[in-house]
């Protein structure tokens, strides 16, 4: 009788140990995501303040503006949405405009999916893609080895509320600040993004070179007559596809740690 239940006990013990180890790994990655999400949240708080002011100017109150920021984490998309809402445009126009403006997140999601372990369940893939922003993608993609979805969850857990809180405060307190201060708050986004890209660029010369080339190429799109008419969202897509493809051909990465966590 004892011999009959021994394999079952062993299997239960192994599953329990594996579950405990995985839970510990998930908690560790979640805490690391929270830590790395703090500077992102502070940057979002400042930038979203200006979004809240814009929402107030368009006649949108604090509650709907905050809900919009909790469910749509894109400054360009939300600024465009405010104009569409105030103009009373049809829903179809909103759908098409948001799809075009936020099309770059499709590329980011595809790229980030390659860092997830192959056995990652679909619902983890879905939520990881849902929480992608430019900055969350930056810190998630710069992680060494495979990406644990709980790291992205931890980053989003503090960054997204920071974005929503900034929007809410902008609607409520926007008129209390001088115009110069509110305009200066938007600079925080650039400082935050520099904090995301500088650490990996200092470790890898290839990344540093690609960052510089990306900045120069983006400047060309802004000043050359034939290219300046292209929208910012489409500009990001073109540069991302071209430069990432060029980097993949010239500097391929060896898959020597496929199963690393």
C-alpha atoms as a PDB file:
ATOM      1  CA  UNK A   1       0.000   0.000   0.000  1.00  0.00           C
ATOM      2  CA  UNK A   2       2.798   2.366   0.920  1.00  0.00           C
ATOM      3  CA  UNK A   3       4.597   1.594  -2.332  1.00  0.00           C
ATOM      4  CA  UNK A   4       1.432   2.449  -4.257  1.00  0.00           C
ATOM      5  CA  UNK A   5       1.154   6.000  -2.863  1.00  0.00           C
ATOM      6  CA  UNK A   6       4.882   6.784  -2.857  1.00  0.00           C
ATOM      7  CA  UNK A   7       4.961   7.943  -6.545  1.00  0.00           C
ATOM      8  CA  UNK A   8       1.929  10.158  -5.909  1.00  0.00           C
ATOM      9  CA  UNK A   9       3.541  11.727  -2.844  1.00  0.00           C
ATOM     10  CA  UNK A  10       6.760  12.294  -4.768  1.00  0.00           C
ATOM     11  CA  UNK A  11       4.878  13.919  -7.634  1.00  0.00           C
ATOM     12  CA  UNK A  12       2.930  16.146  -5.224  1.00  0.00           C
ATOM     13  CA  UNK A  13       6.135  17.129  -3.434  1.00  0.00           C
ATOM     14  CA  UNK A  14       7.878  18.034  -6.694  1.00  0.00           C
ATOM     15  CA  UNK A  15       4.914  20.087  -7.911  1.00  0.00           C
ATOM     16  CA  UNK A  16       4.774  21.919  -4.590  1.00  0.00           C
ATOM     17  CA  UNK A  17       8.484  22.703  -4.661  1.00  0.00           C
ATOM     18  CA  UNK A  18       8.322  23.851  -8.292  1.00  0.00           C
ATOM     19  CA  UNK A  19       5.287  26.013  -7.573  1.00  0.00           C
ATOM     20  CA  UNK A  20       7.016  27.576  -4.578  1.00  0.00           C
ATOM     21  CA  UNK A  21      10.168  28.307  -6.578  1.00  0.00           C
ATOM     22  CA  UNK A  22       8.205  29.858  -9.455  1.00  0.00           C
ATOM     23  CA  UNK A  23       6.189  31.980  -7.025  1.00  0.00           C
ATOM     24  CA  UNK A  24       9.408  33.236  -5.441  1.00  0.00           C
ATOM     25  CA  UNK A  25      10.848  34.065  -8.881  1.00  0.00           C
ATOM     26  CA  UNK A  26       7.644  35.893  -9.876  1.00  0.00           C
ATOM     27  CA  UNK A  27       7.625  37.936  -6.655  1.00  0.00           C
ATOM     28  CA  UNK A  28      11.291  38.841  -7.142  1.00  0.00           C
ATOM     29  CA  UNK A  29      10.674  40.005 -10.721  1.00  0.00           C
ATOM     30  CA  UNK A  30       7.560  41.926  -9.666  1.00  0.00           C
ATOM     31  CA  UNK A  31       9.517  43.806  -6.986  1.00  0.00           C
ATOM     32  CA  UNK A  32      12.273  44.607  -9.483  1.00  0.00           C
ATOM     33  CA  UNK A  33       9.615  45.923 -11.856  1.00  0.00           C
ATOM     34  CA  UNK A  34       8.195  48.131  -9.112  1.00  0.00           C
ATOM     35  CA  UNK A  35      11.664  49.515  -8.414  1.00  0.00           C
ATOM     36  CA  UNK A  36      12.375  50.280 -12.072  1.00  0.00           C
ATOM     37  CA  UNK A  37       8.895  51.727 -12.520  1.00  0.00           C
ATOM     38  CA  UNK A  38       9.381  54.510  -9.949  1.00  0.00           C
ATOM     39  CA  UNK A  39      11.302  56.914 -12.242  1.00  0.00           C
ATOM     40  CA  UNK A  40       8.847  56.142 -15.046  1.00  0.00           C
ATOM     41  CA  UNK A  41       5.908  56.953 -12.773  1.00  0.00           C
ATOM     42  CA  UNK A  42       7.496  60.252 -11.704  1.00  0.00           C
ATOM     43  CA  UNK A  43       8.048  61.205 -15.341  1.00  0.00           C
ATOM     44  CA  UNK A  44       4.505  60.213 -16.237  1.00  0.00           C
ATOM     45  CA  UNK A  45       3.131  62.234 -13.320  1.00  0.00           C
ATOM     46  CA  UNK A  46       4.697  65.400 -14.701  1.00  0.00           C
ATOM     47  CA  UNK A  47       3.852  64.802 -18.366  1.00  0.00           C
ATOM     48  CA  UNK A  48       0.278  63.659 -17.702  1.00  0.00           C
ATOM     49  CA  UNK A  49      -0.283  66.888 -15.778  1.00  0.00           C
ATOM     50  CA  UNK A  50      -0.193  68.744 -19.097  1.00  0.00           C
ATOM     51  CA  UNK A  51      -2.596  66.175 -20.540  1.00  0.00           C
ATOM     52  CA  UNK A  52      -4.991  66.896 -17.688  1.00  0.00           C
ATOM     53  CA  UNK A  53      -4.801  70.614 -18.424  1.00  0.00           C
ATOM     54  CA  UNK A  54      -5.635  69.927 -22.070  1.00  0.00           C
ATOM     55  CA  UNK A  55      -8.569  67.741 -21.024  1.00  0.00           C
ATOM     56  CA  UNK A  56      -9.866  70.517 -18.792  1.00  0.00           C
ATOM     57  CA  UNK A  57      -9.585  73.012 -21.661  1.00  0.00           C
ATOM     58  CA  UNK A  58     -11.656  70.649 -23.827  1.00  0.00           C
ATOM     59  CA  UNK A  59     -14.355  70.511 -21.140  1.00  0.00           C
ATOM     60  CA  UNK A  60     -13.585  66.986 -19.869  1.00  0.00           C
ATOM     61  CA  UNK A  61     -13.865  66.499 -16.113  1.00  0.00           C
ATOM     62  CA  UNK A  62     -11.410  64.719 -13.826  1.00  0.00           C
ATOM     63  CA  UNK A  63     -13.175  61.341 -13.590  1.00  0.00           C
ATOM     64  CA  UNK A  64     -13.546  60.545 -17.328  1.00  0.00           C
ATOM     65  CA  UNK A  65     -10.063  61.949 -18.007  1.00  0.00           C
ATOM     66  CA  UNK A  66      -8.583  59.682 -15.321  1.00  0.00           C
ATOM     67  CA  UNK A  67     -10.428  56.625 -16.674  1.00  0.00           C
ATOM     68  CA  UNK A  68      -9.105  57.440 -20.144  1.00  0.00           C
ATOM     69  CA  UNK A  69      -5.540  57.476 -18.822  1.00  0.00           C
ATOM     70  CA  UNK A  70      -6.055  54.233 -16.897  1.00  0.00           C
ATOM     71  CA  UNK A  71      -7.102  52.389 -20.041  1.00  0.00           C
ATOM     72  CA  UNK A  72      -5.121  54.132 -22.782  1.00  0.00           C
ATOM     73  CA  UNK A  73      -1.450  54.650 -21.931  1.00  0.00           C
ATOM     74  CA  UNK A  74      -0.362  56.836 -24.829  1.00  0.00           C
ATOM     75  CA  UNK A  75       0.161  60.571 -24.684  1.00  0.00           C
ATOM     76  CA  UNK A  76      -0.087  61.113 -28.458  1.00  0.00           C
ATOM     77  CA  UNK A  77      -3.217  58.975 -28.678  1.00  0.00           C
ATOM     78  CA  UNK A  78      -4.913  60.713 -25.770  1.00  0.00           C
ATOM     79  CA  UNK A  79      -4.106  64.224 -26.995  1.00  0.00           C
ATOM     80  CA  UNK A  80      -5.577  63.265 -30.375  1.00  0.00           C
ATOM     81  CA  UNK A  81      -8.592  61.707 -28.672  1.00  0.00           C
ATOM     82  CA  UNK A  82      -9.340  64.942 -26.815  1.00  0.00           C
ATOM     83  CA  UNK A  83      -9.644  66.833 -30.089  1.00  0.00           C
ATOM     84  CA  UNK A  84     -11.822  64.124 -31.638  1.00  0.00           C
ATOM     85  CA  UNK A  85     -14.108  64.011 -28.601  1.00  0.00           C
ATOM     86  CA  UNK A  86     -14.504  67.790 -28.477  1.00  0.00           C
ATOM     87  CA  UNK A  87     -15.305  67.870 -32.194  1.00  0.00           C
ATOM     88  CA  UNK A  88     -18.043  65.265 -31.764  1.00  0.00           C
ATOM     89  CA  UNK A  89     -16.501  63.078 -34.457  1.00  0.00           C
ATOM     90  CA  UNK A  90     -17.905  59.566 -35.082  1.00  0.00           C
ATOM     91  CA  UNK A  91     -16.486  56.534 -33.278  1.00  0.00           C
ATOM     92  CA  UNK A  92     -15.041  55.179 -36.512  1.00  0.00           C
ATOM     93  CA  UNK A  93     -12.768  58.196 -36.808  1.00  0.00           C
ATOM     94  CA  UNK A  94     -11.570  57.604 -33.249  1.00  0.00           C
ATOM     95  CA  UNK A  95     -10.812  53.949 -34.038  1.00  0.00           C
ATOM     96  CA  UNK A  96      -8.804  54.727 -37.168  1.00  0.00           C
ATOM     97  CA  UNK A  97      -6.876  57.598 -35.600  1.00  0.00           C
ATOM     98  CA  UNK A  98      -5.907  55.567 -32.543  1.00  0.00           C
ATOM     99  CA  UNK A  99      -4.915  52.581 -34.675  1.00  0.00           C
ATOM    100  CA  UNK A 100      -2.587  54.723 -36.796  1.00  0.00           C
ATOM    101  CA  UNK A 101      -1.094  56.714 -33.921  1.00  0.00           C
ATOM    102  CA  UNK A 102      -0.466  53.642 -31.767  1.00  0.00           C
ATOM    103  CA  UNK A 103       0.637  51.287 -34.536  1.00  0.00           C
ATOM    104  CA  UNK A 104       4.195  51.369 -33.193  1.00  0.00           C
ATOM    105  CA  UNK A 105       3.060  49.338 -30.191  1.00  0.00           C
ATOM    106  CA  UNK A 106       2.383  46.445 -32.557  1.00  0.00           C
ATOM    107  CA  UNK A 107       6.079  46.382 -33.389  1.00  0.00           C
ATOM    108  CA  UNK A 108       7.035  46.697 -29.730  1.00  0.00           C
ATOM    109  CA  UNK A 109       4.751  43.821 -28.772  1.00  0.00           C
ATOM    110  CA  UNK A 110       6.199  41.602 -31.501  1.00  0.00           C
ATOM    111  CA  UNK A 111       9.726  42.417 -30.369  1.00  0.00           C
ATOM    112  CA  UNK A 112       8.946  41.861 -26.689  1.00  0.00           C
ATOM    113  CA  UNK A 113       7.247  38.534 -27.414  1.00  0.00           C
ATOM    114  CA  UNK A 114      10.633  37.201 -28.519  1.00  0.00           C
ATOM    115  CA  UNK A 115      11.998  37.791 -25.006  1.00  0.00           C
ATOM    116  CA  UNK A 116       9.223  35.828 -23.300  1.00  0.00           C
ATOM    117  CA  UNK A 117       9.867  32.142 -22.529  1.00  0.00           C
ATOM    118  CA  UNK A 118       8.342  29.862 -25.160  1.00  0.00           C
ATOM    119  CA  UNK A 119       5.984  28.272 -22.609  1.00  0.00           C
ATOM    120  CA  UNK A 120       4.480  31.610 -21.505  1.00  0.00           C
ATOM    121  CA  UNK A 121       0.649  31.250 -21.387  1.00  0.00           C
ATOM    122  CA  UNK A 122      -1.435  33.351 -23.750  1.00  0.00           C
ATOM    123  CA  UNK A 123      -3.035  35.437 -20.985  1.00  0.00           C
ATOM    124  CA  UNK A 124       0.430  36.522 -19.778  1.00  0.00           C
ATOM    125  CA  UNK A 125       1.332  37.443 -23.353  1.00  0.00           C
ATOM    126  CA  UNK A 126      -1.895  39.434 -23.662  1.00  0.00           C
ATOM    127  CA  UNK A 127      -1.389  41.467 -20.490  1.00  0.00           C
ATOM    128  CA  UNK A 128       2.291  42.036 -21.209  1.00  0.00           C
ATOM    129  CA  UNK A 129       1.305  43.516 -24.568  1.00  0.00           C
ATOM    130  CA  UNK A 130      -1.515  45.529 -23.024  1.00  0.00           C
ATOM    131  CA  UNK A 131       0.781  47.317 -20.582  1.00  0.00           C
ATOM    132  CA  UNK A 132       3.422  48.267 -23.155  1.00  0.00           C
ATOM    133  CA  UNK A 133       4.375  51.923 -23.354  1.00  0.00           C
ATOM    134  CA  UNK A 134       7.539  53.389 -24.860  1.00  0.00           C
ATOM    135  CA  UNK A 135       9.267  53.479 -21.483  1.00  0.00           C
ATOM    136  CA  UNK A 136       7.968  50.155 -20.142  1.00  0.00           C
ATOM    137  CA  UNK A 137       9.082  48.556 -23.397  1.00  0.00           C
ATOM    138  CA  UNK A 138      12.496  50.159 -22.951  1.00  0.00           C
ATOM    139  CA  UNK A 139      13.141  48.773 -19.472  1.00  0.00           C
ATOM    140  CA  UNK A 140      11.550  45.387 -20.262  1.00  0.00           C
ATOM    141  CA  UNK A 141      13.504  44.825 -23.460  1.00  0.00           C
ATOM    142  CA  UNK A 142      16.775  45.795 -21.770  1.00  0.00           C
ATOM    143  CA  UNK A 143      16.464  42.972 -19.216  1.00  0.00           C
ATOM    144  CA  UNK A 144      19.143  40.328 -19.583  1.00  0.00           C
ATOM    145  CA  UNK A 145      17.936  36.880 -20.639  1.00  0.00           C
ATOM    146  CA  UNK A 146      14.270  36.006 -20.941  1.00  0.00           C
ATOM    147  CA  UNK A 147      11.586  38.378 -19.679  1.00  0.00           C
ATOM    148  CA  UNK A 148       9.390  37.304 -16.790  1.00  0.00           C
ATOM    149  CA  UNK A 149       5.907  38.839 -17.355  1.00  0.00           C
ATOM    150  CA  UNK A 150       5.718  39.745 -13.675  1.00  0.00           C
ATOM    151  CA  UNK A 151       8.525  42.244 -14.189  1.00  0.00           C
ATOM    152  CA  UNK A 152       6.350  44.114 -16.688  1.00  0.00           C
ATOM    153  CA  UNK A 153       3.383  43.818 -14.319  1.00  0.00           C
ATOM    154  CA  UNK A 154       5.428  45.375 -11.526  1.00  0.00           C
ATOM    155  CA  UNK A 155       6.571  48.247 -13.735  1.00  0.00           C
ATOM    156  CA  UNK A 156       3.033  48.908 -14.948  1.00  0.00           C
ATOM    157  CA  UNK A 157       1.616  48.668 -11.404  1.00  0.00           C
ATOM    158  CA  UNK A 158       3.311  51.933 -10.485  1.00  0.00           C
ATOM    159  CA  UNK A 159       3.778  53.621 -13.872  1.00  0.00           C
ATOM    160  CA  UNK A 160       0.132  53.437 -14.994  1.00  0.00           C
ATOM    161  CA  UNK A 161      -1.306  54.888 -11.731  1.00  0.00           C
ATOM    162  CA  UNK A 162       1.323  57.638 -11.991  1.00  0.00           C
ATOM    163  CA  UNK A 163       0.052  58.496 -15.467  1.00  0.00           C
ATOM    164  CA  UNK A 164      -3.583  58.475 -14.334  1.00  0.00           C
ATOM    165  CA  UNK A 165      -2.842  60.506 -11.188  1.00  0.00           C
ATOM    166  CA  UNK A 166      -0.981  63.120 -13.208  1.00  0.00           C
ATOM    167  CA  UNK A 167      -3.966  63.456 -15.546  1.00  0.00           C
ATOM    168  CA  UNK A 168      -6.356  63.835 -12.623  1.00  0.00           C
ATOM    169  CA  UNK A 169      -4.196  66.466 -10.925  1.00  0.00           C
ATOM    170  CA  UNK A 170      -3.827  68.339 -14.199  1.00  0.00           C
ATOM    171  CA  UNK A 171      -7.605  68.629 -14.542  1.00  0.00           C
ATOM    172  CA  UNK A 172      -8.077  69.706 -10.925  1.00  0.00           C
ATOM    173  CA  UNK A 173      -5.027  71.915 -10.314  1.00  0.00           C
ATOM    174  CA  UNK A 174      -3.935  72.886 -13.812  1.00  0.00           C
ATOM    175  CA  UNK A 175      -5.092  76.469 -13.630  1.00  0.00           C
ATOM    176  CA  UNK A 176      -3.279  77.034 -10.323  1.00  0.00           C
ATOM    177  CA  UNK A 177       0.202  76.794 -11.883  1.00  0.00           C
ATOM    178  CA  UNK A 178       1.882  79.443 -14.062  1.00  0.00           C
ATOM    179  CA  UNK A 179       2.041  78.590 -17.787  1.00  0.00           C
ATOM    180  CA  UNK A 180       5.859  78.434 -17.740  1.00  0.00           C
ATOM    181  CA  UNK A 181       5.830  75.699 -15.118  1.00  0.00           C
ATOM    182  CA  UNK A 182       3.243  73.591 -16.921  1.00  0.00           C
ATOM    183  CA  UNK A 183       5.242  73.825 -20.161  1.00  0.00           C
ATOM    184  CA  UNK A 184       8.408  72.845 -18.308  1.00  0.00           C
ATOM    185  CA  UNK A 185       6.749  69.694 -16.944  1.00  0.00           C
ATOM    186  CA  UNK A 186       6.701  68.152 -20.418  1.00  0.00           C
ATOM    187  CA  UNK A 187      10.516  68.107 -20.424  1.00  0.00           C
ATOM    188  CA  UNK A 188      10.418  65.411 -17.727  1.00  0.00           C
ATOM    189  CA  UNK A 189       9.434  62.808 -20.329  1.00  0.00           C
ATOM    190  CA  UNK A 190      12.665  63.318 -22.252  1.00  0.00           C
ATOM    191  CA  UNK A 191      14.749  63.105 -19.089  1.00  0.00           C
ATOM    192  CA  UNK A 192      12.987  59.904 -18.112  1.00  0.00           C
ATOM    193  CA  UNK A 193      13.564  58.361 -21.528  1.00  0.00           C
ATOM    194  CA  UNK A 194      17.263  59.246 -21.332  1.00  0.00           C
ATOM    195  CA  UNK A 195      17.381  57.426 -18.006  1.00  0.00           C
ATOM    196  CA  UNK A 196      15.975  54.352 -19.765  1.00  0.00           C
ATOM    197  CA  UNK A 197      18.364  54.260 -22.735  1.00  0.00           C
ATOM    198  CA  UNK A 198      21.641  55.480 -21.196  1.00  0.00           C
ATOM    199  CA  UNK A 199      22.415  52.430 -18.953  1.00  0.00           C
ATOM    200  CA  UNK A 200      22.245  49.816 -21.770  1.00  0.00           C
ATOM    201  CA  UNK A 201      23.987  52.227 -24.161  1.00  0.00           C
ATOM    202  CA  UNK A 202      26.918  52.552 -21.743  1.00  0.00           C
ATOM    203  CA  UNK A 203      27.259  48.769 -21.560  1.00  0.00           C
ATOM    204  CA  UNK A 204      27.017  48.098 -25.297  1.00  0.00           C
ATOM    205  CA  UNK A 205      28.643  50.226 -28.002  1.00  0.00           C
ATOM    206  CA  UNK A 206      26.326  48.817 -30.656  1.00  0.00           C
ATOM    207  CA  UNK A 207      23.271  50.024 -28.737  1.00  0.00           C
ATOM    208  CA  UNK A 208      24.900  53.418 -28.202  1.00  0.00           C
ATOM    209  CA  UNK A 209      25.615  53.718 -31.914  1.00  0.00           C
ATOM    210  CA  UNK A 210      22.071  52.744 -32.852  1.00  0.00           C
ATOM    211  CA  UNK A 211      20.662  55.317 -30.421  1.00  0.00           C
ATOM    212  CA  UNK A 212      22.766  58.059 -32.010  1.00  0.00           C
ATOM    213  CA  UNK A 213      21.822  56.954 -35.537  1.00  0.00           C
ATOM    214  CA  UNK A 214      18.139  56.870 -34.528  1.00  0.00           C
ATOM    215  CA  UNK A 215      18.311  60.435 -33.207  1.00  0.00           C
ATOM    216  CA  UNK A 216      20.023  61.687 -36.362  1.00  0.00           C
ATOM    217  CA  UNK A 217      17.550  59.877 -38.614  1.00  0.00           C
ATOM    218  CA  UNK A 218      14.619  61.269 -36.644  1.00  0.00           C
ATOM    219  CA  UNK A 219      16.037  64.767 -37.057  1.00  0.00           C
ATOM    220  CA  UNK A 220      16.260  64.252 -40.822  1.00  0.00           C
ATOM    221  CA  UNK A 221      12.584  63.307 -40.871  1.00  0.00           C
ATOM    222  CA  UNK A 222      11.789  66.552 -39.072  1.00  0.00           C
ATOM    223  CA  UNK A 223      13.717  68.932 -41.325  1.00  0.00           C
ATOM    224  CA  UNK A 224      13.874  67.436 -44.815  1.00  0.00           C
ATOM    225  CA  UNK A 225      10.991  68.764 -46.962  1.00  0.00           C
ATOM    226  CA  UNK A 226      10.078  65.380 -48.437  1.00  0.00           C
ATOM    227  CA  UNK A 227       9.971  63.654 -45.042  1.00  0.00           C
ATOM    228  CA  UNK A 228       8.673  66.329 -42.664  1.00  0.00           C
ATOM    229  CA  UNK A 229       5.063  65.711 -43.696  1.00  0.00           C
ATOM    230  CA  UNK A 230       5.099  62.140 -42.371  1.00  0.00           C
ATOM    231  CA  UNK A 231       3.226  61.753 -39.078  1.00  0.00           C
ATOM    232  CA  UNK A 232       5.199  61.060 -35.907  1.00  0.00           C
ATOM    233  CA  UNK A 233       3.626  57.630 -35.451  1.00  0.00           C
ATOM    234  CA  UNK A 234       4.464  56.533 -38.998  1.00  0.00           C
ATOM    235  CA  UNK A 235       7.941  58.011 -38.589  1.00  0.00           C
ATOM    236  CA  UNK A 236       8.574  55.801 -35.565  1.00  0.00           C
ATOM    237  CA  UNK A 237       7.372  52.727 -37.467  1.00  0.00           C
ATOM    238  CA  UNK A 238       9.590  53.402 -40.506  1.00  0.00           C
ATOM    239  CA  UNK A 239      12.699  54.075 -38.428  1.00  0.00           C
ATOM    240  CA  UNK A 240      12.063  51.114 -36.134  1.00  0.00           C
ATOM    241  CA  UNK A 241      11.629  48.632 -38.977  1.00  0.00           C
ATOM    242  CA  UNK A 242      14.591  49.951 -40.962  1.00  0.00           C
ATOM    243  CA  UNK A 243      17.094  50.349 -38.115  1.00  0.00           C
ATOM    244  CA  UNK A 244      16.146  47.155 -36.278  1.00  0.00           C
ATOM    245  CA  UNK A 245      16.356  45.190 -39.525  1.00  0.00           C
ATOM    246  CA  UNK A 246      19.738  46.754 -40.323  1.00  0.00           C
ATOM    247  CA  UNK A 247      21.008  45.974 -36.816  1.00  0.00           C
ATOM    248  CA  UNK A 248      19.765  42.371 -37.048  1.00  0.00           C
ATOM    249  CA  UNK A 249      21.708  41.875 -40.298  1.00  0.00           C
ATOM    250  CA  UNK A 250      24.908  43.629 -39.224  1.00  0.00           C
ATOM    251  CA  UNK A 251      24.977  42.617 -35.544  1.00  0.00           C
ATOM    252  CA  UNK A 252      23.052  39.335 -35.093  1.00  0.00           C
ATOM    253  CA  UNK A 253      22.591  38.097 -31.526  1.00  0.00           C
ATOM    254  CA  UNK A 254      23.529  34.495 -30.821  1.00  0.00           C
ATOM    255  CA  UNK A 255      20.788  32.541 -29.065  1.00  0.00           C
ATOM    256  CA  UNK A 256      23.145  31.042 -26.502  1.00  0.00           C
ATOM    257  CA  UNK A 257      20.830  31.458 -23.536  1.00  0.00           C
ATOM    258  CA  UNK A 258      17.483  30.477 -25.002  1.00  0.00           C
ATOM    259  CA  UNK A 259      16.160  29.031 -21.773  1.00  0.00           C
ATOM    260  CA  UNK A 260      17.648  31.575 -19.403  1.00  0.00           C
ATOM    261  CA  UNK A 261      15.207  33.264 -17.132  1.00  0.00           C
END
